[in-house]
Amino acid sequence: MDADLTALEQKLLQLIARYNELRDENARLRGDLGAMESDTALLKANMAKASERIEALMQSLP
């Protein structure tokens, strides 16, 4: 009986440790995703500006 309880306790401790690892990783990934979404928005804006400038240059060509 004690062996069963000890084994169960060890499994629960492992489960709790894994849960904490995954929770921390999830929080880090959410932060990374937010940063990447910001970068993507900035890059899209830069691409739009570049396209507008190229279009304006093409319009000025004879």
C-alpha atoms as a PDB file:
ATOM      1  CA  MET A   1       0.000   0.000   0.000  1.00  0.00           C
ATOM      2  CA  ASP A   2       2.784   2.453   0.887  1.00  0.00           C
ATOM      3  CA  ALA A   3       4.571   1.577  -2.342  1.00  0.00           C
ATOM      4  CA  ASP A   4       1.426   2.372  -4.337  1.00  0.00           C
ATOM      5  CA  LEU A   5       0.987   5.695  -2.576  1.00  0.00           C
ATOM      6  CA  THR A   6       4.650   6.565  -3.071  1.00  0.00           C
ATOM      7  CA  ALA A   7       4.421   5.722  -6.780  1.00  0.00           C
ATOM      8  CA  LEU A   8       1.256   7.807  -7.108  1.00  0.00           C
ATOM      9  CA  GLU A   9       2.915  10.689  -5.289  1.00  0.00           C
ATOM     10  CA  GLN A  10       5.909  10.543  -7.646  1.00  0.00           C
ATOM     11  CA  LYS A  11       3.640  10.513 -10.684  1.00  0.00           C
ATOM     12  CA  LEU A  12       1.703  13.488  -9.354  1.00  0.00           C
ATOM     13  CA  LEU A  13       4.913  15.394  -8.711  1.00  0.00           C
ATOM     14  CA  GLN A  14       6.066  14.665 -12.258  1.00  0.00           C
ATOM     15  CA  LEU A  15       2.698  15.753 -13.626  1.00  0.00           C
ATOM     16  CA  ILE A  16       2.794  19.004 -11.668  1.00  0.00           C
ATOM     17  CA  ALA A  17       6.363  19.701 -12.804  1.00  0.00           C
ATOM     18  CA  ARG A  18       5.423  19.068 -16.450  1.00  0.00           C
ATOM     19  CA  TYR A  19       2.342  21.266 -16.097  1.00  0.00           C
ATOM     20  CA  ASN A  20       4.491  24.111 -14.771  1.00  0.00           C
ATOM     21  CA  GLU A  21       7.004  23.671 -17.589  1.00  0.00           C
ATOM     22  CA  LEU A  22       4.265  23.770 -20.205  1.00  0.00           C
ATOM     23  CA  ARG A  23       2.587  26.774 -18.591  1.00  0.00           C
ATOM     24  CA  ASP A  24       5.884  28.686 -18.639  1.00  0.00           C
ATOM     25  CA  GLU A  25       6.585  27.658 -22.226  1.00  0.00           C
ATOM     26  CA  ASN A  26       3.081  28.723 -23.257  1.00  0.00           C
ATOM     27  CA  ALA A  27       3.570  32.143 -21.668  1.00  0.00           C
ATOM     28  CA  ARG A  28       6.899  32.539 -23.483  1.00  0.00           C
ATOM     29  CA  LEU A  29       5.359  31.477 -26.785  1.00  0.00           C
ATOM     30  CA  ARG A  30       2.497  33.956 -26.353  1.00  0.00           C
ATOM     31  CA  GLY A  31       5.062  36.717 -25.862  1.00  0.00           C
ATOM     32  CA  ASP A  32       7.009  35.563 -28.926  1.00  0.00           C
ATOM     33  CA  LEU A  33       3.813  35.479 -30.970  1.00  0.00           C
ATOM     34  CA  GLY A  34       2.919  39.019 -29.938  1.00  0.00           C
ATOM     35  CA  ALA A  35       6.360  40.268 -30.925  1.00  0.00           C
ATOM     36  CA  MET A  36       6.175  38.481 -34.264  1.00  0.00           C
ATOM     37  CA  GLU A  37       2.722  39.867 -34.978  1.00  0.00           C
ATOM     38  CA  SER A  38       4.064  43.368 -34.321  1.00  0.00           C
ATOM     39  CA  ASP A  39       7.027  42.713 -36.607  1.00  0.00           C
ATOM     40  CA  THR A  40       4.710  41.405 -39.312  1.00  0.00           C
ATOM     41  CA  ALA A  41       2.500  44.489 -39.130  1.00  0.00           C
ATOM     42  CA  LEU A  42       5.554  46.743 -39.388  1.00  0.00           C
ATOM     43  CA  LEU A  43       6.911  44.800 -42.361  1.00  0.00           C
ATOM     44  CA  LYS A  44       3.550  44.949 -44.120  1.00  0.00           C
ATOM     45  CA  ALA A  45       3.423  48.704 -43.613  1.00  0.00           C
ATOM     46  CA  ASN A  46       6.955  49.058 -44.965  1.00  0.00           C
ATOM     47  CA  MET A  47       6.051  46.928 -47.992  1.00  0.00           C
ATOM     48  CA  ALA A  48       3.006  49.091 -48.668  1.00  0.00           C
ATOM     49  CA  LYS A  49       5.125  52.259 -48.485  1.00  0.00           C
ATOM     50  CA  ALA A  50       7.727  50.744 -50.797  1.00  0.00           C
ATOM     51  CA  SER A  51       5.014  49.723 -53.266  1.00  0.00           C
ATOM     52  CA  GLU A  52       3.585  53.238 -53.233  1.00  0.00           C
ATOM     53  CA  ARG A  53       7.027  54.738 -53.865  1.00  0.00           C
ATOM     54  CA  ILE A  54       7.704  52.335 -56.726  1.00  0.00           C
ATOM     55  CA  GLU A  55       4.308  53.094 -58.232  1.00  0.00           C
ATOM     56  CA  ALA A  56       5.016  56.829 -57.981  1.00  0.00           C
ATOM     57  CA  LEU A  57       8.414  56.368 -59.649  1.00  0.00           C
ATOM     58  CA  MET A  58       6.845  54.341 -62.433  1.00  0.00           C
ATOM     59  CA  GLN A  59       4.269  57.077 -62.998  1.00  0.00           C
ATOM     60  CA  SER A  60       7.034  59.659 -63.358  1.00  0.00           C
ATOM     61  CA  LEU A  61       8.859  57.684 -66.057  1.00  0.00           C
ATOM     62  CA  PRO A  62       8.303  58.835 -69.609  1.00  0.00           C
END
